[in-house]
């Protein structure tokens, strides 16, 4: 079962892989699903006051976000 910690670690790895500077990543499980997988809402703090929301899940261990899959939703409206 995928956990918020799993999704957070995958998102942090992606951000680090793109050499993006951030302060923290916080993910919570939602009631939403995408392709049969639980969707998590993650907030990333890129510095004051720039917090970016993401919808994310893991597909066979690979991070998938609403940036790759525009139809993914995680409850409240999230804009890329």
N, C-alpha and C. Protein backbone atom coordinates (compact mmCIF):
# COMPACT_ATOMS: atom_id res chain seq x y z
N UNK A 1 0.83 -1.17 0.00
CA UNK A 1 0.00 0.00 0.00
C UNK A 1 0.89 1.25 0.00
N UNK A 2 0.58 2.18 -0.86
CA UNK A 2 1.33 3.43 -0.95
C UNK A 2 0.96 4.34 0.22
N UNK A 3 1.95 4.95 0.81
CA UNK A 3 1.73 5.86 1.93
C UNK A 3 2.10 7.29 1.53
N UNK A 4 1.68 8.24 2.35
CA UNK A 4 2.05 9.64 2.12
C UNK A 4 3.57 9.80 2.14
N UNK A 5 4.24 9.05 3.00
CA UNK A 5 5.70 9.12 3.07
C UNK A 5 6.35 8.62 1.78
N UNK A 6 5.77 7.58 1.17
CA UNK A 6 6.29 7.07 -0.11
C UNK A 6 6.19 8.13 -1.20
N UNK A 7 5.02 8.78 -1.27
CA UNK A 7 4.78 9.81 -2.29
C UNK A 7 5.68 11.01 -2.03
N UNK A 8 5.80 11.42 -0.77
CA UNK A 8 6.67 12.54 -0.44
C UNK A 8 8.11 12.26 -0.86
N UNK A 9 8.60 11.07 -0.57
CA UNK A 9 9.98 10.71 -0.93
C UNK A 9 10.18 10.74 -2.44
N UNK A 10 9.20 10.24 -3.19
CA UNK A 10 9.30 10.25 -4.66
C UNK A 10 9.27 11.67 -5.20
N UNK A 11 8.42 12.52 -4.63
CA UNK A 11 8.34 13.91 -5.08
C UNK A 11 9.63 14.66 -4.73
N UNK A 12 10.14 14.43 -3.53
CA UNK A 12 11.41 15.06 -3.15
C UNK A 12 12.54 14.62 -4.08
N UNK A 13 12.57 13.34 -4.43
CA UNK A 13 13.61 12.83 -5.35
C UNK A 13 13.49 13.52 -6.71
N UNK A 14 12.27 13.70 -7.19
CA UNK A 14 12.08 14.37 -8.48
C UNK A 14 12.55 15.82 -8.40
N UNK A 15 12.19 16.53 -7.35
CA UNK A 15 12.60 17.92 -7.20
C UNK A 15 14.12 18.04 -7.12
N UNK A 16 14.75 17.15 -6.35
CA UNK A 16 16.21 17.16 -6.25
C UNK A 16 16.85 16.82 -7.59
N UNK A 17 16.24 15.88 -8.32
CA UNK A 17 16.76 15.49 -9.64
C UNK A 17 16.71 16.62 -10.65
N UNK A 18 15.81 17.58 -10.42
CA UNK A 18 15.70 18.75 -11.30
C UNK A 18 16.42 19.95 -10.71
N UNK A 19 17.20 19.72 -9.66
CA UNK A 19 17.96 20.77 -8.98
C UNK A 19 17.08 21.94 -8.53
N UNK A 20 15.86 21.62 -8.08
CA UNK A 20 14.97 22.65 -7.57
C UNK A 20 15.18 22.82 -6.07
N UNK A 21 15.19 24.04 -5.62
CA UNK A 21 15.38 24.35 -4.21
C UNK A 21 14.01 24.47 -3.54
N UNK A 22 13.82 23.73 -2.45
CA UNK A 22 12.56 23.78 -1.71
C UNK A 22 12.87 23.63 -0.23
N UNK A 23 11.91 24.05 0.59
CA UNK A 23 12.09 23.97 2.03
C UNK A 23 11.48 22.70 2.62
N UNK A 24 10.27 22.36 2.18
CA UNK A 24 9.61 21.17 2.69
C UNK A 24 8.56 20.68 1.72
N UNK A 25 8.21 19.41 1.88
CA UNK A 25 7.13 18.77 1.13
C UNK A 25 6.23 18.09 2.15
N UNK A 26 4.93 18.33 2.05
CA UNK A 26 3.97 17.71 2.96
C UNK A 26 2.86 17.08 2.13
N UNK A 27 2.61 15.80 2.32
CA UNK A 27 1.60 15.07 1.55
C UNK A 27 0.58 14.43 2.48
N UNK A 28 -0.68 14.46 2.05
CA UNK A 28 -1.76 13.80 2.78
C UNK A 28 -2.60 12.99 1.80
N UNK A 29 -3.11 11.89 2.28
CA UNK A 29 -3.96 11.02 1.46
C UNK A 29 -5.32 11.68 1.27
N UNK A 30 -5.89 11.53 0.08
CA UNK A 30 -7.23 12.03 -0.19
C UNK A 30 -8.16 10.85 -0.42
N UNK A 31 -9.43 11.15 -0.63
CA UNK A 31 -10.40 10.11 -0.96
C UNK A 31 -10.43 9.82 -2.46
N UNK A 32 -9.74 10.64 -3.23
CA UNK A 32 -9.74 10.52 -4.68
C UNK A 32 -8.87 9.34 -5.14
N UNK A 33 -9.21 8.83 -6.32
CA UNK A 33 -8.39 7.79 -6.96
C UNK A 33 -8.13 8.18 -8.40
N UNK A 34 -7.02 7.68 -8.92
CA UNK A 34 -6.66 7.88 -10.31
C UNK A 34 -6.12 6.55 -10.82
N UNK A 35 -6.74 6.02 -11.85
CA UNK A 35 -6.35 4.73 -12.42
C UNK A 35 -6.31 3.65 -11.34
N UNK A 36 -7.26 3.72 -10.40
CA UNK A 36 -7.35 2.71 -9.36
C UNK A 36 -6.37 2.88 -8.21
N UNK A 37 -5.63 3.97 -8.21
CA UNK A 37 -4.64 4.21 -7.15
C UNK A 37 -5.05 5.42 -6.32
N UNK A 38 -4.72 5.39 -5.05
CA UNK A 38 -5.03 6.50 -4.15
C UNK A 38 -4.23 7.73 -4.56
N UNK A 39 -4.87 8.89 -4.52
CA UNK A 39 -4.23 10.17 -4.85
C UNK A 39 -3.90 10.90 -3.56
N UNK A 40 -2.74 11.52 -3.53
CA UNK A 40 -2.28 12.31 -2.39
C UNK A 40 -2.18 13.77 -2.80
N UNK A 41 -2.52 14.65 -1.88
CA UNK A 41 -2.33 16.08 -2.11
C UNK A 41 -1.03 16.47 -1.42
N UNK A 42 -0.13 17.04 -2.19
CA UNK A 42 1.17 17.45 -1.64
C UNK A 42 1.36 18.95 -1.82
N UNK A 43 1.86 19.60 -0.81
CA UNK A 43 2.24 21.00 -0.89
C UNK A 43 3.75 21.07 -0.80
N UNK A 44 4.34 21.88 -1.70
CA UNK A 44 5.78 22.06 -1.71
C UNK A 44 6.08 23.53 -1.46
N UNK A 45 6.90 23.82 -0.46
CA UNK A 45 7.29 25.19 -0.13
C UNK A 45 8.59 25.50 -0.86
N UNK A 46 8.47 26.38 -1.86
CA UNK A 46 9.65 26.79 -2.63
C UNK A 46 10.24 28.09 -2.10
N UNK A 47 9.78 28.54 -0.95
CA UNK A 47 10.27 29.78 -0.35
C UNK A 47 9.16 30.80 -0.27
N UNK A 48 9.29 31.72 0.65
CA UNK A 48 8.22 32.67 0.96
C UNK A 48 7.80 33.48 -0.24
N UNK A 49 6.53 33.69 -0.39
CA UNK A 49 5.44 32.82 0.04
C UNK A 49 4.98 31.96 -1.13
N UNK A 50 5.77 31.03 -1.53
CA UNK A 50 5.53 30.28 -2.76
C UNK A 50 5.32 28.79 -2.47
N UNK A 51 4.09 28.43 -2.12
CA UNK A 51 3.74 27.03 -1.86
C UNK A 51 2.94 26.53 -3.06
N UNK A 52 3.42 25.44 -3.65
CA UNK A 52 2.79 24.88 -4.85
C UNK A 52 2.12 23.56 -4.50
N UNK A 53 0.82 23.43 -4.82
CA UNK A 53 0.12 22.17 -4.58
C UNK A 53 0.27 21.21 -5.75
N UNK A 54 0.36 19.93 -5.44
CA UNK A 54 0.42 18.87 -6.44
C UNK A 54 -0.57 17.77 -6.05
N UNK A 55 -1.15 17.12 -7.04
CA UNK A 55 -1.84 15.85 -6.82
C UNK A 55 -0.85 14.80 -7.29
N UNK A 56 -0.70 13.72 -6.54
CA UNK A 56 0.32 12.74 -6.89
C UNK A 56 -0.08 11.34 -6.46
N UNK A 57 0.46 10.37 -7.18
CA UNK A 57 0.31 8.96 -6.83
C UNK A 57 1.54 8.22 -7.34
N UNK A 58 1.67 6.97 -6.95
CA UNK A 58 2.74 6.13 -7.46
C UNK A 58 2.13 5.06 -8.35
N UNK A 59 2.69 4.90 -9.52
CA UNK A 59 2.24 3.88 -10.47
C UNK A 59 3.43 2.94 -10.72
N UNK A 60 3.35 1.75 -10.16
CA UNK A 60 4.46 0.79 -10.23
C UNK A 60 5.76 1.42 -9.74
N UNK A 61 5.66 2.19 -8.65
CA UNK A 61 6.83 2.82 -8.05
C UNK A 61 7.25 4.12 -8.69
N UNK A 62 6.58 4.52 -9.76
CA UNK A 62 6.93 5.75 -10.49
C UNK A 62 5.96 6.86 -10.10
N UNK A 63 6.50 8.04 -9.79
CA UNK A 63 5.68 9.18 -9.41
C UNK A 63 4.90 9.70 -10.61
N UNK A 64 3.61 9.90 -10.42
CA UNK A 64 2.75 10.51 -11.43
C UNK A 64 2.03 11.66 -10.74
N UNK A 65 2.08 12.86 -11.34
CA UNK A 65 1.42 14.03 -10.76
C UNK A 65 0.42 14.60 -11.74
N UNK A 66 -0.33 15.59 -11.26
CA UNK A 66 -1.29 16.27 -12.11
C UNK A 66 -0.60 17.07 -13.22
N UNK A 67 0.71 17.25 -13.15
CA UNK A 67 1.43 17.91 -14.24
C UNK A 67 1.55 17.00 -15.45
N UNK A 68 1.69 15.69 -15.21
CA UNK A 68 1.74 14.73 -16.32
C UNK A 68 0.34 14.29 -16.74
N UNK A 69 -0.54 14.19 -15.79
CA UNK A 69 -1.90 13.70 -16.02
C UNK A 69 -2.89 14.78 -15.59
N UNK A 70 -3.27 15.63 -16.51
CA UNK A 70 -4.12 16.78 -16.20
C UNK A 70 -5.48 16.38 -15.64
N UNK A 71 -5.92 15.15 -15.89
CA UNK A 71 -7.23 14.72 -15.38
C UNK A 71 -7.17 14.26 -13.93
N UNK A 72 -5.98 14.17 -13.35
CA UNK A 72 -5.86 13.74 -11.95
C UNK A 72 -6.36 14.87 -11.05
N UNK A 73 -7.19 14.50 -10.11
CA UNK A 73 -7.75 15.45 -9.14
C UNK A 73 -7.49 14.93 -7.74
N UNK A 74 -7.41 15.86 -6.79
CA UNK A 74 -7.21 15.44 -5.41
C UNK A 74 -8.12 16.23 -4.46
N UNK A 75 -9.31 16.46 -4.88
CA UNK A 75 -10.25 17.17 -4.01
C UNK A 75 -10.34 18.62 -4.40
N UNK A 76 -9.85 19.49 -3.51
CA UNK A 76 -9.87 20.92 -3.81
C UNK A 76 -9.12 21.19 -5.10
N UNK A 77 -9.53 22.22 -5.80
CA UNK A 77 -8.91 22.56 -7.08
C UNK A 77 -7.42 22.79 -6.92
N UNK A 78 -6.64 22.13 -7.76
CA UNK A 78 -5.18 22.29 -7.77
C UNK A 78 -4.79 22.71 -9.18
N UNK A 79 -4.12 23.85 -9.28
CA UNK A 79 -3.68 24.35 -10.58
C UNK A 79 -2.18 24.25 -10.67
N UNK A 80 -1.66 23.76 -11.81
CA UNK A 80 -0.20 23.68 -11.97
C UNK A 80 0.42 25.05 -12.13
